[in-house]
Amino acid sequence: MTYGYGQTTGRPSAGTGRTGALLAPLRGGGRVMTAGILMLSWVALLWVLEAVDVIAGHRLDTLGIVPRKPGELVDIVPSAFTHFGFEHVASNSLPLLVLGFIAALRGIGRFLAVAFTIIVIGGLGVWLVAPAHTNTAGASGLIFGLFGYLLVRGFVDRRPLDIVVGVIVGALYGSILWGVLPTATGVSWQGHLFGLIGGVVAAFVFRERTVAVTA
């Protein structure tokens, strides 16, 4: 008898048979709601932090990454939540909301691990190669990472539906890839490039495959 990964023998579980078929839509709806609440809260937090930053005289801007200073390594994670003005937040809000929501549908725990990986790899890349005396902050590195993650996740996990999702994401947001090139002054192409790399790495590190076990 063959069992898929994660299944057990013995008593039928709540996810099998007629009961599982009835509960599947409810589980899917709960997953959609959870992913939506998470990303709406995430984006709302960015706006709240920018409001606090303005009120505090832009003191939160110091949480950006200044390259090759050891003390700045602790700012890698905070830098992904800090922006230089409301226009900066606005430009990142919609793509973060959309790409984050799609990624989070596969599971909140996995999404948070992926997001953390992207932020760390992207931040380390900025810290290592960005020009001296610059200050880099913003969620765009995470956005590029989620784009890269969704683009390759289906192929890594071997899930046809996720491959289709990746193709759609590529068609809708593929133009952002120009952002990994040093074409615009004041824009961290390093953060974009290493964020993208972080997303691809995360797709492999947190891959999810069905393994057949024959007994």
N, C-alpha and C. Protein backbone atom coordinates (compact mmCIF):
# COMPACT_ATOMS: atom_id res chain seq x y z
N MET A 1 0.85 -1.19 0.00
CA MET A 1 0.00 0.00 0.00
C MET A 1 0.88 1.24 0.00
N THR A 2 0.46 2.27 -0.70
CA THR A 2 1.27 3.49 -0.81
C THR A 2 0.62 4.63 -0.06
N TYR A 3 1.42 5.34 0.72
CA TYR A 3 0.93 6.47 1.51
C TYR A 3 1.70 7.72 1.13
N GLY A 4 1.01 8.83 1.05
CA GLY A 4 1.68 10.10 0.79
C GLY A 4 2.40 10.59 2.03
N TYR A 5 3.33 11.49 1.84
CA TYR A 5 4.11 12.04 2.94
C TYR A 5 3.20 12.69 3.97
N GLY A 6 3.41 12.37 5.24
CA GLY A 6 2.66 13.00 6.31
C GLY A 6 1.41 12.24 6.71
N GLN A 7 1.04 11.19 5.96
CA GLN A 7 -0.12 10.41 6.32
C GLN A 7 0.28 9.26 7.22
N THR A 8 -0.68 8.77 7.99
CA THR A 8 -0.41 7.66 8.90
C THR A 8 -1.45 6.58 8.69
N THR A 9 -1.12 5.37 9.12
CA THR A 9 -2.07 4.27 9.05
C THR A 9 -2.93 4.29 10.29
N GLY A 10 -3.94 3.40 10.31
CA GLY A 10 -4.78 3.32 11.49
C GLY A 10 -6.13 3.95 11.23
N ARG A 11 -6.68 4.64 12.23
CA ARG A 11 -8.00 5.23 12.11
C ARG A 11 -8.02 6.31 11.05
N PRO A 12 -9.10 6.43 10.29
CA PRO A 12 -9.19 7.50 9.29
C PRO A 12 -9.12 8.85 9.98
N SER A 13 -8.36 9.76 9.40
CA SER A 13 -8.25 11.10 9.99
C SER A 13 -9.39 11.96 9.51
N ALA A 14 -9.50 13.18 10.11
CA ALA A 14 -10.55 14.11 9.74
C ALA A 14 -10.37 14.61 8.32
N GLY A 15 -9.17 14.42 7.75
CA GLY A 15 -8.91 14.94 6.42
C GLY A 15 -9.11 13.91 5.32
N THR A 16 -9.69 12.72 5.64
CA THR A 16 -9.87 11.68 4.64
C THR A 16 -11.34 11.42 4.41
N GLY A 17 -11.63 10.81 3.26
CA GLY A 17 -12.99 10.39 2.98
C GLY A 17 -13.96 11.54 2.80
N ARG A 18 -15.24 11.22 3.05
CA ARG A 18 -16.31 12.19 2.83
C ARG A 18 -16.20 13.40 3.75
N THR A 19 -15.79 13.18 5.00
CA THR A 19 -15.65 14.29 5.94
C THR A 19 -14.58 15.26 5.47
N GLY A 20 -13.45 14.72 5.00
CA GLY A 20 -12.37 15.57 4.51
C GLY A 20 -12.82 16.40 3.33
N ALA A 21 -13.62 15.78 2.44
CA ALA A 21 -14.11 16.51 1.27
C ALA A 21 -15.01 17.66 1.68
N LEU A 22 -15.81 17.44 2.72
CA LEU A 22 -16.71 18.50 3.20
C LEU A 22 -15.96 19.63 3.88
N LEU A 23 -14.87 19.27 4.59
CA LEU A 23 -14.12 20.27 5.35
C LEU A 23 -13.10 21.02 4.51
N ALA A 24 -12.74 20.48 3.35
CA ALA A 24 -11.69 21.10 2.53
C ALA A 24 -11.99 22.56 2.19
N PRO A 25 -13.21 22.90 1.74
CA PRO A 25 -13.48 24.31 1.44
C PRO A 25 -13.34 25.20 2.66
N LEU A 26 -13.73 24.68 3.84
CA LEU A 26 -13.62 25.48 5.06
C LEU A 26 -12.17 25.75 5.39
N ARG A 27 -11.33 24.72 5.24
CA ARG A 27 -9.91 24.91 5.50
C ARG A 27 -9.32 25.92 4.53
N GLY A 28 -9.70 25.81 3.25
CA GLY A 28 -9.20 26.75 2.26
C GLY A 28 -9.61 28.17 2.57
N GLY A 29 -10.88 28.35 2.99
CA GLY A 29 -11.35 29.68 3.33
C GLY A 29 -10.62 30.25 4.53
N GLY A 30 -10.34 29.40 5.52
CA GLY A 30 -9.60 29.85 6.68
C GLY A 30 -8.19 30.25 6.34
N ARG A 31 -7.58 29.53 5.41
CA ARG A 31 -6.22 29.84 4.98
C ARG A 31 -6.18 31.18 4.26
N VAL A 32 -7.17 31.42 3.41
CA VAL A 32 -7.25 32.69 2.69
C VAL A 32 -7.41 33.85 3.67
N MET A 33 -8.29 33.67 4.64
CA MET A 33 -8.53 34.74 5.62
C MET A 33 -7.28 35.00 6.46
N THR A 34 -6.62 33.94 6.89
CA THR A 34 -5.42 34.10 7.70
C THR A 34 -4.32 34.82 6.92
N ALA A 35 -4.12 34.41 5.67
CA ALA A 35 -3.10 35.05 4.83
C ALA A 35 -3.45 36.51 4.59
N GLY A 36 -4.73 36.79 4.37
CA GLY A 36 -5.16 38.17 4.15
C GLY A 36 -4.95 39.04 5.36
N ILE A 37 -5.32 38.53 6.53
CA ILE A 37 -5.15 39.29 7.77
C ILE A 37 -3.68 39.55 8.04
N LEU A 38 -2.85 38.53 7.82
CA LEU A 38 -1.41 38.67 8.06
C LEU A 38 -0.83 39.79 7.20
N MET A 39 -1.12 39.77 5.91
CA MET A 39 -0.50 40.75 5.01
C MET A 39 -1.09 42.15 5.18
N LEU A 40 -2.37 42.23 5.46
CA LEU A 40 -2.96 43.55 5.74
C LEU A 40 -2.34 44.14 7.00
N SER A 41 -2.12 43.29 8.00
CA SER A 41 -1.49 43.76 9.24
C SER A 41 -0.04 44.15 9.00
N TRP A 42 0.65 43.39 8.17
CA TRP A 42 2.05 43.67 7.85
C TRP A 42 2.18 45.03 7.18
N VAL A 43 1.36 45.26 6.16
CA VAL A 43 1.41 46.53 5.44
C VAL A 43 0.98 47.68 6.34
N ALA A 44 -0.05 47.45 7.15
CA ALA A 44 -0.50 48.49 8.08
C ALA A 44 0.61 48.87 9.05
N LEU A 45 1.38 47.87 9.48
CA LEU A 45 2.51 48.14 10.38
C LEU A 45 3.53 49.06 9.73
N LEU A 46 3.78 48.88 8.45
CA LEU A 46 4.72 49.75 7.74
C LEU A 46 4.25 51.20 7.76
N TRP A 47 2.96 51.40 7.57
CA TRP A 47 2.41 52.77 7.59
C TRP A 47 2.47 53.37 8.99
N VAL A 48 2.16 52.55 9.99
CA VAL A 48 2.22 53.04 11.37
C VAL A 48 3.65 53.42 11.73
N LEU A 49 4.60 52.58 11.37
CA LEU A 49 6.00 52.88 11.67
C LEU A 49 6.47 54.15 10.97
N GLU A 50 6.01 54.37 9.75
CA GLU A 50 6.42 55.59 9.05
C GLU A 50 5.79 56.82 9.71
N ALA A 51 4.56 56.68 10.20
CA ALA A 51 3.93 57.78 10.92
C ALA A 51 4.70 58.10 12.20
N VAL A 52 5.11 57.05 12.91
CA VAL A 52 5.92 57.24 14.11
C VAL A 52 7.24 57.89 13.75
N ASP A 53 7.82 57.47 12.62
CA ASP A 53 9.09 58.03 12.17
C ASP A 53 8.98 59.53 11.91
N VAL A 54 7.89 59.94 11.28
CA VAL A 54 7.68 61.37 11.00
C VAL A 54 7.51 62.14 12.29
N ILE A 55 6.71 61.61 13.20
CA ILE A 55 6.47 62.28 14.48
C ILE A 55 7.76 62.39 15.28
N ALA A 56 8.61 61.37 15.17
CA ALA A 56 9.87 61.34 15.94
C ALA A 56 11.01 62.05 15.23
N GLY A 57 10.70 62.78 14.18
CA GLY A 57 11.75 63.51 13.48
C GLY A 57 12.66 62.62 12.66
N HIS A 58 12.07 61.54 12.10
CA HIS A 58 12.79 60.60 11.23
C HIS A 58 13.93 59.87 11.94
N ARG A 59 13.75 59.64 13.22
CA ARG A 59 14.78 58.91 13.97
C ARG A 59 14.84 57.44 13.58
N LEU A 60 13.72 56.89 13.09
CA LEU A 60 13.73 55.48 12.69
C LEU A 60 14.55 55.24 11.44
N ASP A 61 14.86 56.32 10.72
CA ASP A 61 15.69 56.16 9.52
C ASP A 61 17.07 55.60 9.85
N THR A 62 17.48 55.75 11.09
CA THR A 62 18.79 55.22 11.50
C THR A 62 18.79 53.69 11.55
N LEU A 63 17.61 53.08 11.39
CA LEU A 63 17.52 51.62 11.39
C LEU A 63 17.85 51.02 10.02
N GLY A 64 18.17 51.89 9.05
CA GLY A 64 18.61 51.40 7.76
C GLY A 64 20.00 50.78 7.86
N ILE A 65 20.43 50.14 6.77
CA ILE A 65 21.72 49.44 6.75
C ILE A 65 22.81 50.33 6.18
N VAL A 66 23.84 50.58 6.98
CA VAL A 66 25.03 51.29 6.52
C VAL A 66 26.09 50.22 6.25
N PRO A 67 26.59 50.13 5.02
CA PRO A 67 27.46 49.01 4.63
C PRO A 67 28.75 48.88 5.44
N ARG A 68 29.07 47.62 5.69
CA ARG A 68 30.37 47.20 6.24
C ARG A 68 30.72 47.77 7.60
N LYS A 69 29.72 48.17 8.34
CA LYS A 69 29.92 48.54 9.74
C LYS A 69 29.33 47.42 10.59
N PRO A 70 30.16 46.73 11.38
CA PRO A 70 29.67 45.57 12.14
C PRO A 70 28.43 45.86 12.98
N GLY A 71 28.36 47.04 13.56
CA GLY A 71 27.22 47.38 14.39
C GLY A 71 25.92 47.49 13.64
N GLU A 72 25.99 47.60 12.31
CA GLU A 72 24.80 47.75 11.49
C GLU A 72 24.12 46.42 11.18
N LEU A 73 24.78 45.31 11.48
CA LEU A 73 24.19 44.01 11.19
C LEU A 73 22.88 43.79 11.94
N VAL A 74 22.76 44.39 13.11
CA VAL A 74 21.53 44.23 13.90
C VAL A 74 20.36 44.96 13.26
N ASP A 75 20.64 45.83 12.29
CA ASP A 75 19.57 46.59 11.64
C ASP A 75 19.05 45.91 10.38
N ILE A 76 19.56 44.73 10.06
CA ILE A 76 19.13 44.06 8.83
C ILE A 76 17.63 43.79 8.83
N VAL A 77 17.12 43.22 9.90
CA VAL A 77 15.68 42.94 9.96
C VAL A 77 14.86 44.22 10.10
N PRO A 78 15.17 45.12 11.04
CA PRO A 78 14.40 46.37 11.15
C PRO A 78 14.38 47.19 9.86
N SER A 79 15.44 47.13 9.08
CA SER A 79 15.51 47.94 7.86
C SER A 79 14.41 47.58 6.87
N ALA A 80 13.92 46.34 6.91
CA ALA A 80 12.87 45.91 6.00
C ALA A 80 11.51 46.48 6.37
N PHE A 81 11.42 47.08 7.55
CA PHE A 81 10.16 47.67 8.01
C PHE A 81 10.23 49.20 8.06
N THR A 82 11.36 49.76 7.70
CA THR A 82 11.59 51.20 7.78
C THR A 82 11.62 51.79 6.38
N HIS A 83 11.01 52.96 6.21
CA HIS A 83 10.97 53.61 4.90
C HIS A 83 11.34 55.08 5.01
N PHE A 84 11.70 55.65 3.87
CA PHE A 84 12.07 57.06 3.82
C PHE A 84 10.92 57.89 3.25
N GLY A 85 9.83 57.97 4.01
CA GLY A 85 8.70 58.78 3.60
C GLY A 85 7.50 57.94 3.20
N PHE A 86 6.32 58.57 3.22
CA PHE A 86 5.08 57.86 2.89
C PHE A 86 5.03 57.43 1.43
N GLU A 87 5.64 58.19 0.55
CA GLU A 87 5.67 57.80 -0.86
C GLU A 87 6.43 56.49 -1.04
N HIS A 88 7.49 56.34 -0.26
CA HIS A 88 8.27 55.10 -0.28
C HIS A 88 7.42 53.93 0.19
N VAL A 89 6.67 54.12 1.26
CA VAL A 89 5.79 53.07 1.77
C VAL A 89 4.72 52.73 0.75
N ALA A 90 4.13 53.76 0.15
CA ALA A 90 3.05 53.56 -0.81
C ALA A 90 3.50 52.73 -2.01
N SER A 91 4.71 52.99 -2.48
CA SER A 91 5.20 52.27 -3.66
C SER A 91 5.43 50.79 -3.37
N ASN A 92 5.65 50.45 -2.10
CA ASN A 92 5.91 49.06 -1.74
C ASN A 92 4.66 48.32 -1.26
N SER A 93 3.63 49.04 -0.89
CA SER A 93 2.48 48.42 -0.21
C SER A 93 1.74 47.41 -1.07
N LEU A 94 1.33 47.79 -2.27
CA LEU A 94 0.51 46.89 -3.09
C LEU A 94 1.26 45.63 -3.52
N PRO A 95 2.46 45.74 -4.08
CA PRO A 95 3.16 44.50 -4.45
C PRO A 95 3.47 43.60 -3.26
N LEU A 96 3.78 44.20 -2.10
CA LEU A 96 4.03 43.39 -0.91
C LEU A 96 2.76 42.67 -0.48
N LEU A 97 1.64 43.39 -0.53
CA LEU A 97 0.36 42.81 -0.14
C LEU A 97 -0.01 41.64 -1.05
N VAL A 98 0.12 41.83 -2.35
CA VAL A 98 -0.27 40.80 -3.31
C VAL A 98 0.66 39.59 -3.26
N LEU A 99 1.95 39.84 -3.38
CA LEU A 99 2.91 38.73 -3.41
C LEU A 99 2.97 38.01 -2.07
N GLY A 100 2.90 38.78 -0.98
CA GLY A 100 2.91 38.17 0.35
C GLY A 100 1.68 37.31 0.58
N PHE A 101 0.52 37.79 0.14
CA PHE A 101 -0.72 37.03 0.29
C PHE A 101 -0.63 35.70 -0.45
N ILE A 102 -0.17 35.74 -1.69
CA ILE A 102 -0.06 34.51 -2.48
C ILE A 102 0.90 33.53 -1.82
N ALA A 103 2.04 34.03 -1.35
CA ALA A 103 3.03 33.16 -0.71
C ALA A 103 2.50 32.58 0.60
N ALA A 104 1.74 33.38 1.35
CA ALA A 104 1.25 32.95 2.66
C ALA A 104 0.14 31.91 2.56
N LEU A 105 -0.47 31.76 1.39
CA LEU A 105 -1.53 30.77 1.23
C LEU A 105 -1.02 29.35 1.41
N ARG A 106 0.27 29.14 1.24
CA ARG A 106 0.84 27.81 1.40
C ARG A 106 1.11 27.47 2.86
N GLY A 107 0.93 28.44 3.76
CA GLY A 107 1.14 28.21 5.18
C GLY A 107 1.87 29.37 5.83
N ILE A 108 1.37 29.82 6.97
CA ILE A 108 1.93 31.00 7.62
C ILE A 108 3.34 30.73 8.15
N GLY A 109 3.55 29.58 8.75
CA GLY A 109 4.88 29.26 9.27
C GLY A 109 5.93 29.24 8.18
N ARG A 110 5.58 28.60 7.08
CA ARG A 110 6.51 28.55 5.96
C ARG A 110 6.76 29.94 5.40
N PHE A 111 5.70 30.74 5.29
CA PHE A 111 5.85 32.09 4.77
C PHE A 111 6.78 32.93 5.63
N LEU A 112 6.60 32.87 6.94
CA LEU A 112 7.44 33.66 7.84
C LEU A 112 8.91 33.23 7.74
N ALA A 113 9.14 31.93 7.60
CA ALA A 113 10.51 31.44 7.43
C ALA A 113 11.11 31.94 6.12
N VAL A 114 10.30 31.92 5.07
CA VAL A 114 10.75 32.41 3.76
C VAL A 114 11.06 33.91 3.83
N ALA A 115 10.14 34.67 4.43
CA ALA A 115 10.33 36.12 4.53
C ALA A 115 11.59 36.46 5.32
N PHE A 116 11.80 35.76 6.43
CA PHE A 116 12.99 36.01 7.24
C PHE A 116 14.26 35.70 6.45
N THR A 117 14.25 34.60 5.72
CA THR A 117 15.41 34.23 4.90
C THR A 117 15.71 35.30 3.86
N ILE A 118 14.67 35.78 3.20
CA ILE A 118 14.84 36.82 2.18
C ILE A 118 15.41 38.09 2.79
N ILE A 119 14.85 38.50 3.92
CA ILE A 119 15.30 39.73 4.57
C ILE A 119 16.77 39.62 4.98
N VAL A 120 17.15 38.48 5.54
CA VAL A 120 18.53 38.30 6.00
C VAL A 120 19.51 38.26 4.82
N ILE A 121 19.20 37.47 3.80
CA ILE A 121 20.11 37.38 2.65
C ILE A 121 20.18 38.71 1.92
N GLY A 122 19.03 39.35 1.73
CA GLY A 122 19.02 40.65 1.06
C GLY A 122 19.78 41.69 1.85
N GLY A 123 19.59 41.70 3.17
CA GLY A 123 20.27 42.66 4.02
C GLY A 123 21.77 42.44 4.06
N LEU A 124 22.18 41.19 4.12
CA LEU A 124 23.62 40.89 4.11
C LEU A 124 24.26 41.31 2.79
N GLY A 125 23.52 41.12 1.70
CA GLY A 125 24.04 41.55 0.40
C GLY A 125 24.25 43.05 0.35
N VAL A 126 23.28 43.79 0.88
CA VAL A 126 23.42 45.25 0.94
C VAL A 126 24.61 45.63 1.81
N TRP A 127 24.72 45.00 2.96
CA TRP A 127 25.80 45.31 3.91
C TRP A 127 27.16 45.06 3.28
N LEU A 128 27.25 44.04 2.43
CA LEU A 128 28.54 43.67 1.84
C LEU A 128 28.92 44.51 0.63
N VAL A 129 27.97 44.84 -0.25
CA VAL A 129 28.36 45.42 -1.54
C VAL A 129 27.80 46.81 -1.83
N ALA A 130 26.89 47.31 -1.02
CA ALA A 130 26.36 48.66 -1.28
C ALA A 130 27.46 49.70 -1.10
N PRO A 131 27.36 50.83 -1.75
CA PRO A 131 28.38 51.87 -1.62
C PRO A 131 28.52 52.36 -0.18
N ALA A 132 29.72 52.74 0.19
CA ALA A 132 29.97 53.26 1.53
C ALA A 132 29.17 54.53 1.76
N HIS A 133 28.86 54.78 3.03
CA HIS A 133 28.18 56.01 3.45
C HIS A 133 26.76 56.13 2.87
N THR A 134 26.15 54.98 2.56
CA THR A 134 24.74 54.99 2.15
C THR A 134 23.91 54.37 3.25
N ASN A 135 22.62 54.63 3.23
CA ASN A 135 21.70 54.09 4.22
C ASN A 135 20.53 53.46 3.47
N THR A 136 20.39 52.15 3.59
CA THR A 136 19.38 51.41 2.81
C THR A 136 18.28 50.88 3.71
N ALA A 137 17.04 51.15 3.33
CA ALA A 137 15.90 50.65 4.09
C ALA A 137 14.72 50.48 3.14
N GLY A 138 13.74 49.71 3.56
CA GLY A 138 12.54 49.52 2.77
C GLY A 138 12.21 48.06 2.53
N ALA A 139 10.97 47.82 2.12
CA ALA A 139 10.49 46.45 1.92
C ALA A 139 10.69 45.94 0.50
N SER A 140 11.34 46.73 -0.36
CA SER A 140 11.46 46.30 -1.75
C SER A 140 12.31 45.05 -1.91
N GLY A 141 13.32 44.88 -1.06
CA GLY A 141 14.12 43.65 -1.11
C GLY A 141 13.26 42.43 -0.84
N LEU A 142 12.34 42.55 0.13
CA LEU A 142 11.42 41.46 0.43
C LEU A 142 10.49 41.21 -0.75
N ILE A 143 10.04 42.28 -1.39
CA ILE A 143 9.16 42.14 -2.56
C ILE A 143 9.86 41.37 -3.67
N PHE A 144 11.09 41.75 -3.98
CA PHE A 144 11.84 41.04 -5.01
C PHE A 144 12.06 39.58 -4.61
N GLY A 145 12.29 39.36 -3.32
CA GLY A 145 12.48 38.00 -2.84
C GLY A 145 11.24 37.15 -2.98
N LEU A 146 10.09 37.71 -2.63
CA LEU A 146 8.83 36.98 -2.78
C LEU A 146 8.54 36.70 -4.25
N PHE A 147 8.88 37.65 -5.10
CA PHE A 147 8.71 37.44 -6.54
C PHE A 147 9.55 36.25 -7.00
N GLY A 148 10.83 36.23 -6.62
CA GLY A 148 11.70 35.12 -7.00
C GLY A 148 11.23 33.80 -6.41
N TYR A 149 10.77 33.85 -5.17
CA TYR A 149 10.28 32.65 -4.49
C TYR A 149 9.08 32.06 -5.22
N LEU A 150 8.10 32.90 -5.53
CA LEU A 150 6.90 32.42 -6.21
C LEU A 150 7.20 31.96 -7.63
N LEU A 151 8.18 32.58 -8.25
CA LEU A 151 8.53 32.25 -9.63
C LEU A 151 9.07 30.82 -9.75
N VAL A 152 9.83 30.38 -8.76
CA VAL A 152 10.48 29.06 -8.86
C VAL A 152 9.88 28.01 -7.93
N ARG A 153 9.02 28.43 -7.01
CA ARG A 153 8.51 27.49 -6.00
C ARG A 153 7.83 26.28 -6.62
N GLY A 154 7.00 26.51 -7.62
CA GLY A 154 6.27 25.40 -8.22
C GLY A 154 7.18 24.36 -8.85
N PHE A 155 8.27 24.82 -9.48
CA PHE A 155 9.21 23.89 -10.10
C PHE A 155 9.99 23.12 -9.05
N VAL A 156 10.32 23.80 -7.95
CA VAL A 156 11.07 23.14 -6.87
C VAL A 156 10.19 22.13 -6.14
N ASP A 157 8.94 22.53 -5.86
CA ASP A 157 8.02 21.65 -5.15
C ASP A 157 7.34 20.63 -6.07
N ARG A 158 7.48 20.85 -7.38
CA ARG A 158 6.84 19.98 -8.37
C ARG A 158 5.33 19.98 -8.21
N ARG A 159 4.78 21.17 -8.05
CA ARG A 159 3.33 21.34 -7.93
C ARG A 159 2.82 22.10 -9.16
N PRO A 160 2.01 21.47 -10.00
CA PRO A 160 1.52 22.13 -11.21
C PRO A 160 0.79 23.44 -10.94
N LEU A 161 -0.03 23.48 -9.88
CA LEU A 161 -0.76 24.71 -9.58
C LEU A 161 0.19 25.85 -9.25
N ASP A 162 1.23 25.56 -8.47
CA ASP A 162 2.19 26.60 -8.11
C ASP A 162 3.03 27.04 -9.31
N ILE A 163 3.23 26.13 -10.26
CA ILE A 163 3.92 26.51 -11.50
C ILE A 163 3.09 27.52 -12.26
N VAL A 164 1.78 27.26 -12.34
CA VAL A 164 0.87 28.20 -13.01
C VAL A 164 0.88 29.54 -12.28
N VAL A 165 0.84 29.50 -10.95
CA VAL A 165 0.89 30.73 -10.16
C VAL A 165 2.17 31.50 -10.46
N GLY A 166 3.28 30.78 -10.53
CA GLY A 166 4.56 31.42 -10.83
C GLY A 166 4.57 32.09 -12.19
N VAL A 167 3.97 31.44 -13.18
CA VAL A 167 3.89 32.02 -14.52
C VAL A 167 3.06 33.29 -14.50
N ILE A 168 1.94 33.26 -13.78
CA ILE A 168 1.08 34.45 -13.69
C ILE A 168 1.80 35.59 -12.97
N VAL A 169 2.47 35.26 -11.87
CA VAL A 169 3.24 36.27 -11.14
C VAL A 169 4.32 36.86 -12.03
N GLY A 170 4.99 36.01 -12.79
CA GLY A 170 6.02 36.49 -13.70
C GLY A 170 5.46 37.42 -14.76
N ALA A 171 4.28 37.10 -15.27
CA ALA A 171 3.65 37.94 -16.29
C ALA A 171 3.22 39.29 -15.72
N LEU A 172 2.74 39.28 -14.48
CA LEU A 172 2.23 40.51 -13.87
C LEU A 172 3.35 41.41 -13.35
N TYR A 173 4.37 40.81 -12.78
CA TYR A 173 5.40 41.59 -12.09
C TYR A 173 6.80 41.43 -12.69
N GLY A 174 6.90 40.77 -13.83
CA GLY A 174 8.21 40.53 -14.42
C GLY A 174 9.02 41.78 -14.70
N SER A 175 8.33 42.89 -14.93
CA SER A 175 9.03 44.14 -15.26
C SER A 175 9.88 44.65 -14.10
N ILE A 176 9.61 44.19 -12.88
CA ILE A 176 10.39 44.68 -11.74
C ILE A 176 11.84 44.19 -11.80
N LEU A 177 12.09 43.19 -12.64
CA LEU A 177 13.45 42.66 -12.74
C LEU A 177 14.45 43.71 -13.20
N TRP A 178 13.96 44.76 -13.87
CA TRP A 178 14.85 45.86 -14.22
C TRP A 178 15.45 46.50 -12.98
N GLY A 179 14.78 46.31 -11.84
CA GLY A 179 15.25 46.91 -10.60
C GLY A 179 16.51 46.29 -10.04
N VAL A 180 16.95 45.15 -10.59
CA VAL A 180 18.19 44.55 -10.11
C VAL A 180 19.40 45.14 -10.83
N LEU A 181 19.16 46.04 -11.76
CA LEU A 181 20.24 46.68 -12.50
C LEU A 181 20.48 48.08 -11.96
N PRO A 182 21.72 48.54 -11.96
CA PRO A 182 22.04 49.88 -11.42
C PRO A 182 21.66 50.99 -12.40
N THR A 183 20.34 51.17 -12.58
CA THR A 183 19.87 52.13 -13.58
C THR A 183 19.28 53.40 -12.97
N ALA A 184 18.98 53.38 -11.67
CA ALA A 184 18.32 54.54 -11.05
C ALA A 184 19.12 55.02 -9.85
N THR A 185 19.31 56.32 -9.76
CA THR A 185 20.02 56.91 -8.63
C THR A 185 19.13 56.88 -7.39
N GLY A 186 19.71 56.53 -6.26
CA GLY A 186 18.96 56.53 -5.01
C GLY A 186 18.13 55.29 -4.79
N VAL A 187 18.24 54.31 -5.67
CA VAL A 187 17.51 53.05 -5.53
C VAL A 187 18.51 51.92 -5.30
N SER A 188 18.27 51.11 -4.29
CA SER A 188 19.21 50.05 -3.94
C SER A 188 19.01 48.83 -4.83
N TRP A 189 19.71 48.82 -5.96
CA TRP A 189 19.64 47.63 -6.81
C TRP A 189 20.27 46.43 -6.09
N GLN A 190 21.20 46.72 -5.16
CA GLN A 190 21.81 45.62 -4.40
C GLN A 190 20.76 44.92 -3.54
N GLY A 191 19.90 45.71 -2.89
CA GLY A 191 18.84 45.13 -2.09
C GLY A 191 17.88 44.32 -2.93
N HIS A 192 17.57 44.82 -4.13
CA HIS A 192 16.67 44.10 -5.03
C HIS A 192 17.30 42.79 -5.50
N LEU A 193 18.55 42.86 -5.92
CA LEU A 193 19.23 41.67 -6.45
C LEU A 193 19.38 40.59 -5.39
N PHE A 194 19.88 40.99 -4.20
CA PHE A 194 20.09 39.98 -3.17
C PHE A 194 18.78 39.53 -2.53
N GLY A 195 17.76 40.37 -2.56
CA GLY A 195 16.45 39.93 -2.13
C GLY A 195 15.92 38.86 -3.06
N LEU A 196 16.08 39.08 -4.37
CA LEU A 196 15.67 38.09 -5.37
C LEU A 196 16.41 36.78 -5.16
N ILE A 197 17.71 36.86 -4.95
CA ILE A 197 18.50 35.66 -4.68
C ILE A 197 18.01 34.96 -3.42
N GLY A 198 17.69 35.75 -2.39
CA GLY A 198 17.18 35.18 -1.16
C GLY A 198 15.89 34.42 -1.36
N GLY A 199 15.02 34.93 -2.24
CA GLY A 199 13.76 34.24 -2.52
C GLY A 199 13.97 32.91 -3.21
N VAL A 200 14.90 32.87 -4.15
CA VAL A 200 15.20 31.61 -4.84
C VAL A 200 15.81 30.61 -3.87
N VAL A 201 16.72 31.09 -3.03
CA VAL A 201 17.33 30.21 -2.02
C VAL A 201 16.25 29.66 -1.09
N ALA A 202 15.32 30.52 -0.66
CA ALA A 202 14.26 30.09 0.25
C ALA A 202 13.37 29.03 -0.39
N ALA A 203 13.14 29.13 -1.69
CA ALA A 203 12.32 28.13 -2.38
C ALA A 203 12.94 26.74 -2.29
N PHE A 204 14.26 26.68 -2.32
CA PHE A 204 14.95 25.39 -2.21
C PHE A 204 15.06 24.94 -0.76
N VAL A 205 15.36 25.87 0.13
CA VAL A 205 15.53 25.52 1.55
C VAL A 205 14.22 25.02 2.15
N PHE A 206 13.12 25.66 1.79
CA PHE A 206 11.82 25.31 2.37
C PHE A 206 10.94 24.58 1.37
N ARG A 207 11.55 23.82 0.48
CA ARG A 207 10.77 23.10 -0.52
C ARG A 207 9.87 22.06 0.15
N GLU A 208 8.79 21.75 -0.51
CA GLU A 208 7.80 20.82 0.04
C GLU A 208 7.43 19.84 -1.06
N ARG A 209 7.84 18.61 -0.88
CA ARG A 209 7.56 17.59 -1.89
C ARG A 209 6.80 16.43 -1.27
N THR A 210 5.96 15.81 -2.08
CA THR A 210 5.25 14.61 -1.66
C THR A 210 6.14 13.40 -1.92
N VAL A 211 6.36 12.63 -0.88
CA VAL A 211 7.23 11.46 -0.98
C VAL A 211 6.40 10.19 -0.84
N ALA A 212 6.46 9.33 -1.81
CA ALA A 212 5.71 8.07 -1.75
C ALA A 212 6.49 7.04 -0.95
N VAL A 213 5.79 6.38 -0.03
CA VAL A 213 6.40 5.34 0.79
C VAL A 213 5.62 4.05 0.59
N THR A 214 6.28 3.02 0.12
CA THR A 214 5.61 1.75 -0.16
C THR A 214 5.82 0.78 1.00
N ALA A 215 4.72 0.20 1.47
CA ALA A 215 4.79 -0.76 2.56
C ALA A 215 4.19 -2.08 2.13
